[in-house]
Amino acid sequence: MRSLWFILGVLSMGLGLIGVVLPLLPTVPFMLLAAFCFARSSERMHSWLVNHRVFGPAIEDWNRSGAISKTGKRAATVSIAVVFSISVFMGLRPMILGIQAVTLGAVLTFIWTRPSY
């Protein structure tokens, strides 16, 4: 079972790293998932990720109080606005835009209702 958790952790970390450069893919949720998986499979990888200079503080804030930084909230909001604007400018069907608007609105509601540190 530890091998499965480790593989899921590596895949999650890979998706999180891709999310660093692709605005459509969120980084921190995948890093949180990777930390969760590594906690069950590899103490070394878990420790490395939790103590990472870039990803560690967001993971610790979430573990401590479910908090998302104001900078993170703003970045997520801007990314969501850009992605939705691209969809509008591409002329996607109204039904697709509606589904996207509801989904992204729910994501923003979740993000902005989390505590900030």
PDB file of N, CA and C in Angstrom:
ATOM      1  N   MET A   1       0.817  -1.196   0.000  1.00  0.00           N
ATOM      2  CA  MET A   1       0.000   0.000   0.000  1.00  0.00           C
ATOM      3  C   MET A   1       0.860   1.259   0.000  1.00  0.00           C
ATOM      4  N   ARG A   2       2.016   1.179   0.675  1.00  0.00           N
ATOM      5  CA  ARG A   2       2.919   2.335   0.711  1.00  0.00           C
ATOM      6  C   ARG A   2       3.379   2.715  -0.688  1.00  0.00           C
ATOM      7  N   SER A   3       3.576   1.723  -1.543  1.00  0.00           N
ATOM      8  CA  SER A   3       4.004   2.003  -2.913  1.00  0.00           C
ATOM      9  C   SER A   3       2.936   2.780  -3.671  1.00  0.00           C
ATOM     10  N   LEU A   4       1.684   2.418  -3.472  1.00  0.00           N
ATOM     11  CA  LEU A   4       0.591   3.125  -4.129  1.00  0.00           C
ATOM     12  C   LEU A   4       0.515   4.581  -3.658  1.00  0.00           C
ATOM     13  N   TRP A   5       0.633   4.795  -2.343  1.00  0.00           N
ATOM     14  CA  TRP A   5       0.634   6.163  -1.813  1.00  0.00           C
ATOM     15  C   TRP A   5       1.798   6.960  -2.377  1.00  0.00           C
ATOM     16  N   PHE A   6       2.963   6.321  -2.501  1.00  0.00           N
ATOM     17  CA  PHE A   6       4.145   7.002  -3.034  1.00  0.00           C
ATOM     18  C   PHE A   6       3.929   7.406  -4.496  1.00  0.00           C
ATOM     19  N   ILE A   7       3.394   6.487  -5.288  1.00  0.00           N
ATOM     20  CA  ILE A   7       3.126   6.790  -6.705  1.00  0.00           C
ATOM     21  C   ILE A   7       2.121   7.929  -6.825  1.00  0.00           C
ATOM     22  N   LEU A   8       1.053   7.886  -6.021  1.00  0.00           N
ATOM     23  CA  LEU A   8       0.068   8.978  -6.031  1.00  0.00           C
ATOM     24  C   LEU A   8       0.706  10.301  -5.607  1.00  0.00           C
ATOM     25  N   GLY A   9       1.620  10.238  -4.652  1.00  0.00           N
ATOM     26  CA  GLY A   9       2.327  11.447  -4.219  1.00  0.00           C
ATOM     27  C   GLY A   9       3.191  12.025  -5.318  1.00  0.00           C
ATOM     28  N   VAL A  10       3.912  11.166  -6.018  1.00  0.00           N
ATOM     29  CA  VAL A  10       4.767  11.627  -7.125  1.00  0.00           C
ATOM     30  C   VAL A  10       3.912  12.212  -8.251  1.00  0.00           C
ATOM     31  N   LEU A  11       2.807  11.545  -8.584  1.00  0.00           N
ATOM     32  CA  LEU A  11       1.920  12.062  -9.628  1.00  0.00           C
ATOM     33  C   LEU A  11       1.328  13.416  -9.224  1.00  0.00           C
ATOM     34  N   SER A  12       0.902  13.533  -7.972  1.00  0.00           N
ATOM     35  CA  SER A  12       0.337  14.793  -7.491  1.00  0.00           C
ATOM     36  C   SER A  12       1.383  15.907  -7.520  1.00  0.00           C
ATOM     37  N   MET A  13       2.582  15.577  -7.104  1.00  0.00           N
ATOM     38  CA  MET A  13       3.648  16.572  -7.124  1.00  0.00           C
ATOM     39  C   MET A  13       3.969  16.988  -8.558  1.00  0.00           C
ATOM     40  N   GLY A  14       3.971  16.034  -9.468  1.00  0.00           N
ATOM     41  CA  GLY A  14       4.200  16.345 -10.875  1.00  0.00           C
ATOM     42  C   GLY A  14       3.136  17.274 -11.431  1.00  0.00           C
ATOM     43  N   LEU A  15       1.872  17.004 -11.115  1.00  0.00           N
ATOM     44  CA  LEU A  15       0.784  17.881 -11.563  1.00  0.00           C
ATOM     45  C   LEU A  15       0.918  19.266 -10.934  1.00  0.00           C
ATOM     46  N   GLY A  16       1.318  19.306  -9.678  1.00  0.00           N
ATOM     47  CA  GLY A  16       1.524  20.594  -9.024  1.00  0.00           C
ATOM     48  C   GLY A  16       2.643  21.387  -9.676  1.00  0.00           C
ATOM     49  N   LEU A  17       3.711  20.704 -10.055  1.00  0.00           N
ATOM     50  CA  LEU A  17       4.822  21.393 -10.723  1.00  0.00           C
ATOM     51  C   LEU A  17       4.414  21.890 -12.107  1.00  0.00           C
ATOM     52  N   ILE A  18       3.598  21.118 -12.803  1.00  0.00           N
ATOM     53  CA  ILE A  18       3.076  21.583 -14.091  1.00  0.00           C
ATOM     54  C   ILE A  18       2.197  22.811 -13.864  1.00  0.00           C
ATOM     55  N   GLY A  19       1.458  22.806 -12.762  1.00  0.00           N
ATOM     56  CA  GLY A  19       0.591  23.927 -12.435  1.00  0.00           C
ATOM     57  C   GLY A  19       1.338  25.219 -12.156  1.00  0.00           C
ATOM     58  N   VAL A  20       2.632  25.129 -11.857  1.00  0.00           N
ATOM     59  CA  VAL A  20       3.425  26.336 -11.653  1.00  0.00           C
ATOM     60  C   VAL A  20       3.456  27.168 -12.931  1.00  0.00           C
ATOM     61  N   VAL A  21       3.495  26.506 -14.090  1.00  0.00           N
ATOM     62  CA  VAL A  21       3.600  27.232 -15.362  1.00  0.00           C
ATOM     63  C   VAL A  21       2.291  27.288 -16.137  1.00  0.00           C
ATOM     64  N   LEU A  22       1.333  26.430 -15.814  1.00  0.00           N
ATOM     65  CA  LEU A  22       0.042  26.442 -16.496  1.00  0.00           C
ATOM     66  C   LEU A  22      -1.030  27.012 -15.574  1.00  0.00           C
ATOM     67  N   PRO A  23      -1.644  28.125 -15.953  1.00  0.00           N
ATOM     68  CA  PRO A  23      -2.630  28.737 -15.057  1.00  0.00           C
ATOM     69  C   PRO A  23      -3.897  27.906 -14.868  1.00  0.00           C
ATOM     70  N   LEU A  24      -4.139  26.924 -15.727  1.00  0.00           N
ATOM     71  CA  LEU A  24      -5.352  26.116 -15.588  1.00  0.00           C
ATOM     72  C   LEU A  24      -5.233  25.048 -14.517  1.00  0.00           C
ATOM     73  N   LEU A  25      -4.020  24.747 -14.114  1.00  0.00           N
ATOM     74  CA  LEU A  25      -3.788  23.684 -13.148  1.00  0.00           C
ATOM     75  C   LEU A  25      -3.358  24.296 -11.813  1.00  0.00           C
ATOM     76  N   PRO A  26      -4.096  24.051 -10.743  1.00  0.00           N
ATOM     77  CA  PRO A  26      -3.707  24.643  -9.462  1.00  0.00           C
ATOM     78  C   PRO A  26      -2.501  23.929  -8.863  1.00  0.00           C
ATOM     79  N   THR A  27      -1.589  24.679  -8.315  1.00  0.00           N
ATOM     80  CA  THR A  27      -0.368  24.096  -7.752  1.00  0.00           C
ATOM     81  C   THR A  27      -0.581  23.604  -6.327  1.00  0.00           C
ATOM     82  N   VAL A  28      -1.044  24.483  -5.460  1.00  0.00           N
ATOM     83  CA  VAL A  28      -1.096  24.166  -4.033  1.00  0.00           C
ATOM     84  C   VAL A  28      -1.986  22.964  -3.717  1.00  0.00           C
ATOM     85  N   PRO A  29      -3.192  22.832  -4.296  1.00  0.00           N
ATOM     86  CA  PRO A  29      -3.976  21.636  -3.953  1.00  0.00           C
ATOM     87  C   PRO A  29      -3.260  20.326  -4.297  1.00  0.00           C
ATOM     88  N   PHE A  30      -2.525  20.321  -5.399  1.00  0.00           N
ATOM     89  CA  PHE A  30      -1.785  19.107  -5.743  1.00  0.00           C
ATOM     90  C   PHE A  30      -0.615  18.885  -4.797  1.00  0.00           C
ATOM     91  N   MET A  31       0.001  19.952  -4.320  1.00  0.00           N
ATOM     92  CA  MET A  31       1.091  19.801  -3.351  1.00  0.00           C
ATOM     93  C   MET A  31       0.543  19.337  -2.001  1.00  0.00           C
ATOM     94  N   LEU A  32      -0.651  19.813  -1.644  1.00  0.00           N
ATOM     95  CA  LEU A  32      -1.292  19.325  -0.421  1.00  0.00           C
ATOM     96  C   LEU A  32      -1.587  17.830  -0.526  1.00  0.00           C
ATOM     97  N   LEU A  33      -2.087  17.425  -1.684  1.00  0.00           N
ATOM     98  CA  LEU A  33      -2.362  16.008  -1.911  1.00  0.00           C
ATOM     99  C   LEU A  33      -1.072  15.191  -1.883  1.00  0.00           C
ATOM    100  N   ALA A  34      -0.015  15.739  -2.482  1.00  0.00           N
ATOM    101  CA  ALA A  34       1.274  15.042  -2.462  1.00  0.00           C
ATOM    102  C   ALA A  34       1.776  14.879  -1.030  1.00  0.00           C
ATOM    103  N   ALA A  35       1.663  15.931  -0.221  1.00  0.00           N
ATOM    104  CA  ALA A  35       2.091  15.842   1.179  1.00  0.00           C
ATOM    105  C   ALA A  35       1.279  14.789   1.922  1.00  0.00           C
ATOM    106  N   PHE A  36      -0.023  14.743   1.658  1.00  0.00           N
ATOM    107  CA  PHE A  36      -0.893  13.738   2.270  1.00  0.00           C
ATOM    108  C   PHE A  36      -0.420  12.328   1.897  1.00  0.00           C
ATOM    109  N   CYS A  37      -0.153  12.126   0.621  1.00  0.00           N
ATOM    110  CA  CYS A  37       0.277  10.799   0.151  1.00  0.00           C
ATOM    111  C   CYS A  37       1.651  10.434   0.693  1.00  0.00           C
ATOM    112  N   PHE A  38       2.574  11.399   0.697  1.00  0.00           N
ATOM    113  CA  PHE A  38       3.921  11.114   1.204  1.00  0.00           C
ATOM    114  C   PHE A  38       3.913  10.847   2.703  1.00  0.00           C
ATOM    115  N   ALA A  39       2.981  11.446   3.437  1.00  0.00           N
ATOM    116  CA  ALA A  39       2.886  11.185   4.873  1.00  0.00           C
ATOM    117  C   ALA A  39       2.563   9.721   5.135  1.00  0.00           C
ATOM    118  N   ARG A  40       1.947   9.070   4.165  1.00  0.00           N
ATOM    119  CA  ARG A  40       1.586   7.664   4.304  1.00  0.00           C
ATOM    120  C   ARG A  40       2.576   6.716   3.634  1.00  0.00           C
ATOM    121  N   SER A  41       3.594   7.282   2.951  1.00  0.00           N
ATOM    122  CA  SER A  41       4.488   6.398   2.209  1.00  0.00           C
ATOM    123  C   SER A  41       5.968   6.666   2.432  1.00  0.00           C
ATOM    124  N   SER A  42       6.372   7.917   2.543  1.00  0.00           N
ATOM    125  CA  SER A  42       7.794   8.238   2.604  1.00  0.00           C
ATOM    126  C   SER A  42       8.024   9.441   3.507  1.00  0.00           C
ATOM    127  N   GLU A  43       8.550   9.172   4.691  1.00  0.00           N
ATOM    128  CA  GLU A  43       8.835  10.256   5.630  1.00  0.00           C
ATOM    129  C   GLU A  43       9.849  11.236   5.041  1.00  0.00           C
ATOM    130  N   ARG A  44      10.795  10.737   4.272  1.00  0.00           N
ATOM    131  CA  ARG A  44      11.809  11.601   3.664  1.00  0.00           C
ATOM    132  C   ARG A  44      11.187  12.580   2.670  1.00  0.00           C
ATOM    133  N   MET A  45      10.317  12.080   1.780  1.00  0.00           N
ATOM    134  CA  MET A  45       9.674  12.943   0.789  1.00  0.00           C
ATOM    135  C   MET A  45       8.697  13.911   1.463  1.00  0.00           C
ATOM    136  N   HIS A  46       7.979  13.423   2.474  1.00  0.00           N
ATOM    137  CA  HIS A  46       7.045  14.287   3.202  1.00  0.00           C
ATOM    138  C   HIS A  46       7.800  15.428   3.877  1.00  0.00           C
ATOM    139  N   SER A  47       8.868  15.095   4.548  1.00  0.00           N
ATOM    140  CA  SER A  47       9.669  16.108   5.222  1.00  0.00           C
ATOM    141  C   SER A  47      10.247  17.111   4.216  1.00  0.00           C
ATOM    142  N   TRP A  48      10.730  16.611   3.103  1.00  0.00           N
ATOM    143  CA  TRP A  48      11.289  17.498   2.070  1.00  0.00           C
ATOM    144  C   TRP A  48      10.228  18.468   1.562  1.00  0.00           C
ATOM    145  N   LEU A  49       9.037  17.962   1.277  1.00  0.00           N
ATOM    146  CA  LEU A  49       7.973  18.799   0.723  1.00  0.00           C
ATOM    147  C   LEU A  49       7.465  19.809   1.756  1.00  0.00           C
ATOM    148  N   VAL A  50       7.252  19.364   2.984  1.00  0.00           N
ATOM    149  CA  VAL A  50       6.743  20.257   4.021  1.00  0.00           C
ATOM    150  C   VAL A  50       7.764  21.341   4.368  1.00  0.00           C
ATOM    151  N   ASN A  51       9.036  21.048   4.243  1.00  0.00           N
ATOM    152  CA  ASN A  51      10.087  22.017   4.550  1.00  0.00           C
ATOM    153  C   ASN A  51      10.595  22.750   3.318  1.00  0.00           C
ATOM    154  N   HIS A  52       9.964  22.538   2.172  1.00  0.00           N
ATOM    155  CA  HIS A  52      10.386  23.192   0.930  1.00  0.00           C
ATOM    156  C   HIS A  52      10.218  24.700   1.063  1.00  0.00           C
ATOM    157  N   ARG A  53      11.156  25.442   0.545  1.00  0.00           N
ATOM    158  CA  ARG A  53      11.162  26.902   0.652  1.00  0.00           C
ATOM    159  C   ARG A  53       9.937  27.534   0.006  1.00  0.00           C
ATOM    160  N   VAL A  54       9.459  26.998  -1.110  1.00  0.00           N
ATOM    161  CA  VAL A  54       8.328  27.585  -1.834  1.00  0.00           C
ATOM    162  C   VAL A  54       6.998  26.964  -1.415  1.00  0.00           C
ATOM    163  N   PHE A  55       6.932  25.638  -1.404  1.00  0.00           N
ATOM    164  CA  PHE A  55       5.662  24.953  -1.161  1.00  0.00           C
ATOM    165  C   PHE A  55       5.370  24.721   0.317  1.00  0.00           C
ATOM    166  N   GLY A  56       6.391  24.650   1.136  1.00  0.00           N
ATOM    167  CA  GLY A  56       6.229  24.341   2.547  1.00  0.00           C
ATOM    168  C   GLY A  56       5.313  25.276   3.321  1.00  0.00           C
ATOM    169  N   PRO A  57       5.488  26.601   3.180  1.00  0.00           N
ATOM    170  CA  PRO A  57       4.622  27.499   3.962  1.00  0.00           C
ATOM    171  C   PRO A  57       3.131  27.331   3.667  1.00  0.00           C
ATOM    172  N   ALA A  58       2.761  27.146   2.419  1.00  0.00           N
ATOM    173  CA  ALA A  58       1.342  26.962   2.080  1.00  0.00           C
ATOM    174  C   ALA A  58       0.814  25.659   2.673  1.00  0.00           C
ATOM    175  N   ILE A  59       1.620  24.621   2.652  1.00  0.00           N
ATOM    176  CA  ILE A  59       1.212  23.336   3.225  1.00  0.00           C
ATOM    177  C   ILE A  59       1.046  23.465   4.733  1.00  0.00           C
ATOM    178  N   GLU A  60       1.990  24.126   5.387  1.00  0.00           N
ATOM    179  CA  GLU A  60       1.909  24.311   6.839  1.00  0.00           C
ATOM    180  C   GLU A  60       0.705  25.154   7.235  1.00  0.00           C
ATOM    181  N   ASP A  61       0.442  26.231   6.489  1.00  0.00           N
ATOM    182  CA  ASP A  61      -0.726  27.066   6.789  1.00  0.00           C
ATOM    183  C   ASP A  61      -2.011  26.267   6.678  1.00  0.00           C
ATOM    184  N   TRP A  62      -2.100  25.438   5.643  1.00  0.00           N
ATOM    185  CA  TRP A  62      -3.302  24.625   5.461  1.00  0.00           C
ATOM    186  C   TRP A  62      -3.432  23.598   6.581  1.00  0.00           C
ATOM    187  N   ASN A  63      -2.319  22.931   6.911  1.00  0.00           N
ATOM    188  CA  ASN A  63      -2.355  21.916   7.974  1.00  0.00           C
ATOM    189  C   ASN A  63      -2.698  22.528   9.326  1.00  0.00           C
ATOM    190  N   ARG A  64      -2.195  23.720   9.583  1.00  0.00           N
ATOM    191  CA  ARG A  64      -2.401  24.360  10.877  1.00  0.00           C
ATOM    192  C   ARG A  64      -3.835  24.858  11.039  1.00  0.00           C
ATOM    193  N   SER A  65      -4.374  25.539  10.005  1.00  0.00           N
ATOM    194  CA  SER A  65      -5.679  26.169  10.213  1.00  0.00           C
ATOM    195  C   SER A  65      -6.561  26.221   8.970  1.00  0.00           C
ATOM    196  N   GLY A  66      -6.197  25.496   7.919  1.00  0.00           N
ATOM    197  CA  GLY A  66      -6.987  25.550   6.695  1.00  0.00           C
ATOM    198  C   GLY A  66      -6.902  26.903   6.021  1.00  0.00           C
ATOM    199  N   ALA A  67      -5.799  27.619   6.281  1.00  0.00           N
ATOM    200  CA  ALA A  67      -5.655  28.987   5.783  1.00  0.00           C
ATOM    201  C   ALA A  67      -5.042  29.026   4.391  1.00  0.00           C
ATOM    202  N   ILE A  68      -5.454  30.056   3.637  1.00  0.00           N
ATOM    203  CA  ILE A  68      -4.873  30.369   2.330  1.00  0.00           C
ATOM    204  C   ILE A  68      -4.425  31.818   2.407  1.00  0.00           C
ATOM    205  N   SER A  69      -3.207  32.089   1.983  1.00  0.00           N
ATOM    206  CA  SER A  69      -2.688  33.453   2.066  1.00  0.00           C
ATOM    207  C   SER A  69      -3.493  34.400   1.183  1.00  0.00           C
ATOM    208  N   LYS A  70      -3.505  35.670   1.563  1.00  0.00           N
ATOM    209  CA  LYS A  70      -4.200  36.676   0.743  1.00  0.00           C
ATOM    210  C   LYS A  70      -3.571  36.756  -0.642  1.00  0.00           C
ATOM    211  N   THR A  71      -2.257  36.606  -0.712  1.00  0.00           N
ATOM    212  CA  THR A  71      -1.572  36.606  -2.011  1.00  0.00           C
ATOM    213  C   THR A  71      -2.050  35.440  -2.852  1.00  0.00           C
ATOM    214  N   GLY A  72      -2.178  34.277  -2.236  1.00  0.00           N
ATOM    215  CA  GLY A  72      -2.676  33.101  -2.946  1.00  0.00           C
ATOM    216  C   GLY A  72      -4.111  33.276  -3.414  1.00  0.00           C
ATOM    217  N   LYS A  73      -4.926  33.886  -2.575  1.00  0.00           N
ATOM    218  CA  LYS A  73      -6.324  34.138  -2.941  1.00  0.00           C
ATOM    219  C   LYS A  73      -6.399  35.093  -4.128  1.00  0.00           C
ATOM    220  N   ARG A  74      -5.594  36.155  -4.081  1.00  0.00           N
ATOM    221  CA  ARG A  74      -5.586  37.114  -5.196  1.00  0.00           C
ATOM    222  C   ARG A  74      -5.090  36.465  -6.475  1.00  0.00           C
ATOM    223  N   ALA A  75      -4.019  35.676  -6.376  1.00  0.00           N
ATOM    224  CA  ALA A  75      -3.473  35.007  -7.559  1.00  0.00           C
ATOM    225  C   ALA A  75      -4.494  34.050  -8.165  1.00  0.00           C
ATOM    226  N   ALA A  76      -5.196  33.314  -7.313  1.00  0.00           N
ATOM    227  CA  ALA A  76      -6.222  32.388  -7.803  1.00  0.00           C
ATOM    228  C   ALA A  76      -7.356  33.152  -8.479  1.00  0.00           C
ATOM    229  N   THR A  77      -7.755  34.270  -7.893  1.00  0.00           N
ATOM    230  CA  THR A  77      -8.837  35.070  -8.460  1.00  0.00           C
ATOM    231  C   THR A  77      -8.442  35.619  -9.836  1.00  0.00           C
ATOM    232  N   VAL A  78      -7.233  36.144  -9.933  1.00  0.00           N
ATOM    233  CA  VAL A  78      -6.756  36.672 -11.220  1.00  0.00           C
ATOM    234  C   VAL A  78      -6.674  35.552 -12.254  1.00  0.00           C
ATOM    235  N   SER A  79      -6.144  34.405 -11.864  1.00  0.00           N
ATOM    236  CA  SER A  79      -6.036  33.274 -12.795  1.00  0.00           C
ATOM    237  C   SER A  79      -7.411  32.839 -13.290  1.00  0.00           C
ATOM    238  N   ILE A  80      -8.355  32.752 -12.383  1.00  0.00           N
ATOM    239  CA  ILE A  80      -9.710  32.347 -12.754  1.00  0.00           C
ATOM    240  C   ILE A  80     -10.339  33.372 -13.692  1.00  0.00           C
ATOM    241  N   ALA A  81     -10.127  34.645 -13.403  1.00  0.00           N
ATOM    242  CA  ALA A  81     -10.674  35.695 -14.268  1.00  0.00           C
ATOM    243  C   ALA A  81     -10.059  35.631 -15.663  1.00  0.00           C
ATOM    244  N   VAL A  82      -8.757  35.383 -15.731  1.00  0.00           N
ATOM    245  CA  VAL A  82      -8.080  35.282 -17.033  1.00  0.00           C
ATOM    246  C   VAL A  82      -8.606  34.084 -17.812  1.00  0.00           C
ATOM    247  N   VAL A  83      -8.710  32.952 -17.155  1.00  0.00           N
ATOM    248  CA  VAL A  83      -9.187  31.738 -17.828  1.00  0.00           C
ATOM    249  C   VAL A  83     -10.612  31.925 -18.333  1.00  0.00           C
ATOM    250  N   PHE A  84     -11.480  32.510 -17.513  1.00  0.00           N
ATOM    251  CA  PHE A  84     -12.855  32.717 -17.942  1.00  0.00           C
ATOM    252  C   PHE A  84     -12.929  33.738 -19.079  1.00  0.00           C
ATOM    253  N   SER A  85     -12.112  34.768 -19.012  1.00  0.00           N
ATOM    254  CA  SER A  85     -12.073  35.765 -20.094  1.00  0.00           C
ATOM    255  C   SER A  85     -11.636  35.141 -21.408  1.00  0.00           C
ATOM    256  N   ILE A  86     -10.661  34.251 -21.347  1.00  0.00           N
ATOM    257  CA  ILE A  86     -10.211  33.552 -22.558  1.00  0.00           C
ATOM    258  C   ILE A  86     -11.363  32.744 -23.141  1.00  0.00           C
ATOM    259  N   SER A  87     -12.112  32.084 -22.278  1.00  0.00           N
ATOM    260  CA  SER A  87     -13.262  31.294 -22.744  1.00  0.00           C
ATOM    261  C   SER A  87     -14.295  32.176 -23.422  1.00  0.00           C
ATOM    262  N   VAL A  88     -14.547  33.344 -22.843  1.00  0.00           N
ATOM    263  CA  VAL A  88     -15.520  34.271 -23.434  1.00  0.00           C
ATOM    264  C   VAL A  88     -15.015  34.759 -24.790  1.00  0.00           C
ATOM    265  N   PHE A  89     -13.753  35.167 -24.862  1.00  0.00           N
ATOM    266  CA  PHE A  89     -13.195  35.670 -26.115  1.00  0.00           C
ATOM    267  C   PHE A  89     -13.098  34.585 -27.193  1.00  0.00           C
ATOM    268  N   MET A  90     -13.003  33.330 -26.775  1.00  0.00           N
ATOM    269  CA  MET A  90     -12.983  32.225 -27.743  1.00  0.00           C
ATOM    270  C   MET A  90     -14.377  31.968 -28.311  1.00  0.00           C
ATOM    271  N   GLY A  91     -15.371  32.544 -27.695  1.00  0.00           N
ATOM    272  CA  GLY A  91     -16.732  32.389 -28.188  1.00  0.00           C
ATOM    273  C   GLY A  91     -17.339  31.031 -27.891  1.00  0.00           C
ATOM    274  N   LEU A  92     -17.006  30.486 -26.732  1.00  0.00           N
ATOM    275  CA  LEU A  92     -17.587  29.188 -26.353  1.00  0.00           C
ATOM    276  C   LEU A  92     -19.099  29.318 -26.200  1.00  0.00           C
ATOM    277  N   ARG A  93     -19.769  28.204 -26.355  1.00  0.00           N
ATOM    278  CA  ARG A  93     -21.235  28.193 -26.247  1.00  0.00           C
ATOM    279  C   ARG A  93     -21.670  28.671 -24.865  1.00  0.00           C
ATOM    280  N   PRO A  94     -22.792  29.362 -24.806  1.00  0.00           N
ATOM    281  CA  PRO A  94     -23.282  29.876 -23.520  1.00  0.00           C
ATOM    282  C   PRO A  94     -23.447  28.792 -22.452  1.00  0.00           C
ATOM    283  N   MET A  95     -23.856  27.607 -22.854  1.00  0.00           N
ATOM    284  CA  MET A  95     -24.015  26.524 -21.876  1.00  0.00           C
ATOM    285  C   MET A  95     -22.668  26.175 -21.230  1.00  0.00           C
ATOM    286  N   ILE A  96     -21.632  26.103 -22.031  1.00  0.00           N
ATOM    287  CA  ILE A  96     -20.295  25.795 -21.507  1.00  0.00           C
ATOM    288  C   ILE A  96     -19.824  26.933 -20.605  1.00  0.00           C
ATOM    289  N   LEU A  97     -20.060  28.169 -21.036  1.00  0.00           N
ATOM    290  CA  LEU A  97     -19.682  29.317 -20.206  1.00  0.00           C
ATOM    291  C   LEU A  97     -20.443  29.310 -18.885  1.00  0.00           C
ATOM    292  N   GLY A  98     -21.699  28.927 -18.922  1.00  0.00           N
ATOM    293  CA  GLY A  98     -22.491  28.854 -17.698  1.00  0.00           C
ATOM    294  C   GLY A  98     -21.943  27.822 -16.732  1.00  0.00           C
ATOM    295  N   ILE A  99     -21.626  26.650 -17.249  1.00  0.00           N
ATOM    296  CA  ILE A  99     -21.056  25.590 -16.405  1.00  0.00           C
ATOM    297  C   ILE A  99     -19.727  26.048 -15.826  1.00  0.00           C
ATOM    298  N   GLN A 100     -18.929  26.665 -16.676  1.00  0.00           N
ATOM    299  CA  GLN A 100     -17.632  27.147 -16.225  1.00  0.00           C
ATOM    300  C   GLN A 100     -17.804  28.241 -15.167  1.00  0.00           C
ATOM    301  N   ALA A 101     -18.740  29.150 -15.383  1.00  0.00           N
ATOM    302  CA  ALA A 101     -18.975  30.238 -14.422  1.00  0.00           C
ATOM    303  C   ALA A 101     -19.410  29.691 -13.064  1.00  0.00           C
ATOM    304  N   VAL A 102     -20.306  28.720 -13.065  1.00  0.00           N
ATOM    305  CA  VAL A 102     -20.779  28.137 -11.804  1.00  0.00           C
ATOM    306  C   VAL A 102     -19.632  27.419 -11.092  1.00  0.00           C
ATOM    307  N   THR A 103     -18.871  26.633 -11.837  1.00  0.00           N
ATOM    308  CA  THR A 103     -17.757  25.889 -11.247  1.00  0.00           C
ATOM    309  C   THR A 103     -16.700  26.830 -10.692  1.00  0.00           C
ATOM    310  N   LEU A 104     -16.289  27.805 -11.491  1.00  0.00           N
ATOM    311  CA  LEU A 104     -15.257  28.741 -11.043  1.00  0.00           C
ATOM    312  C   LEU A 104     -15.775  29.613  -9.899  1.00  0.00           C
ATOM    313  N   GLY A 105     -17.049  29.950  -9.926  1.00  0.00           N
ATOM    314  CA  GLY A 105     -17.633  30.700  -8.816  1.00  0.00           C
ATOM    315  C   GLY A 105     -17.597  29.907  -7.520  1.00  0.00           C
ATOM    316  N   ALA A 106     -17.872  28.606  -7.609  1.00  0.00           N
ATOM    317  CA  ALA A 106     -17.809  27.746  -6.421  1.00  0.00           C
ATOM    318  C   ALA A 106     -16.379  27.660  -5.899  1.00  0.00           C
ATOM    319  N   VAL A 107     -15.424  27.565  -6.812  1.00  0.00           N
ATOM    320  CA  VAL A 107     -14.011  27.516  -6.413  1.00  0.00           C
ATOM    321  C   VAL A 107     -13.626  28.817  -5.700  1.00  0.00           C
ATOM    322  N   LEU A 108     -14.015  29.945  -6.281  1.00  0.00           N
ATOM    323  CA  LEU A 108     -13.698  31.235  -5.645  1.00  0.00           C
ATOM    324  C   LEU A 108     -14.371  31.376  -4.285  1.00  0.00           C
ATOM    325  N   THR A 109     -15.601  30.899  -4.178  1.00  0.00           N
ATOM    326  CA  THR A 109     -16.293  30.952  -2.894  1.00  0.00           C
ATOM    327  C   THR A 109     -15.539  30.139  -1.855  1.00  0.00           C
ATOM    328  N   PHE A 110     -15.109  28.951  -2.232  1.00  0.00           N
ATOM    329  CA  PHE A 110     -14.337  28.114  -1.311  1.00  0.00           C
ATOM    330  C   PHE A 110     -13.050  28.823  -0.897  1.00  0.00           C
ATOM    331  N   ILE A 111     -12.319  29.354  -1.873  1.00  0.00           N
ATOM    332  CA  ILE A 111     -11.039  30.001  -1.592  1.00  0.00           C
ATOM    333  C   ILE A 111     -11.223  31.193  -0.659  1.00  0.00           C
ATOM    334  N   TRP A 112     -12.188  32.055  -0.960  1.00  0.00           N
ATOM    335  CA  TRP A 112     -12.335  33.286  -0.184  1.00  0.00           C
ATOM    336  C   TRP A 112     -13.010  33.086   1.166  1.00  0.00           C
ATOM    337  N   THR A 113     -13.599  31.903   1.407  1.00  0.00           N
ATOM    338  CA  THR A 113     -14.177  31.635   2.714  1.00  0.00           C
ATOM    339  C   THR A 113     -13.193  30.948   3.659  1.00  0.00           C
ATOM    340  N   ARG A 114     -12.031  30.585   3.158  1.00  0.00           N
ATOM    341  CA  ARG A 114     -10.983  30.020   4.022  1.00  0.00           C
ATOM    342  C   ARG A 114     -10.326  31.161   4.795  1.00  0.00           C
ATOM    343  N   PRO A 115      -9.856  30.882   5.986  1.00  0.00           N
ATOM    344  CA  PRO A 115      -9.164  31.936   6.744  1.00  0.00           C
ATOM    345  C   PRO A 115      -7.844  32.323   6.065  1.00  0.00           C
ATOM    346  N   SER A 116      -7.418  33.540   6.333  1.00  0.00           N
ATOM    347  CA  SER A 116      -6.107  34.009   5.868  1.00  0.00           C
ATOM    348  C   SER A 116      -5.205  34.120   7.083  1.00  0.00           C
ATOM    349  N   TYR A 117      -3.934  34.038   6.849  1.00  0.00           N
ATOM    350  CA  TYR A 117      -3.011  34.186   7.971  1.00  0.00           C
ATOM    351  C   TYR A 117      -2.399  35.555   7.956  1.00  0.00           C
TER     352      TYR A 117
END
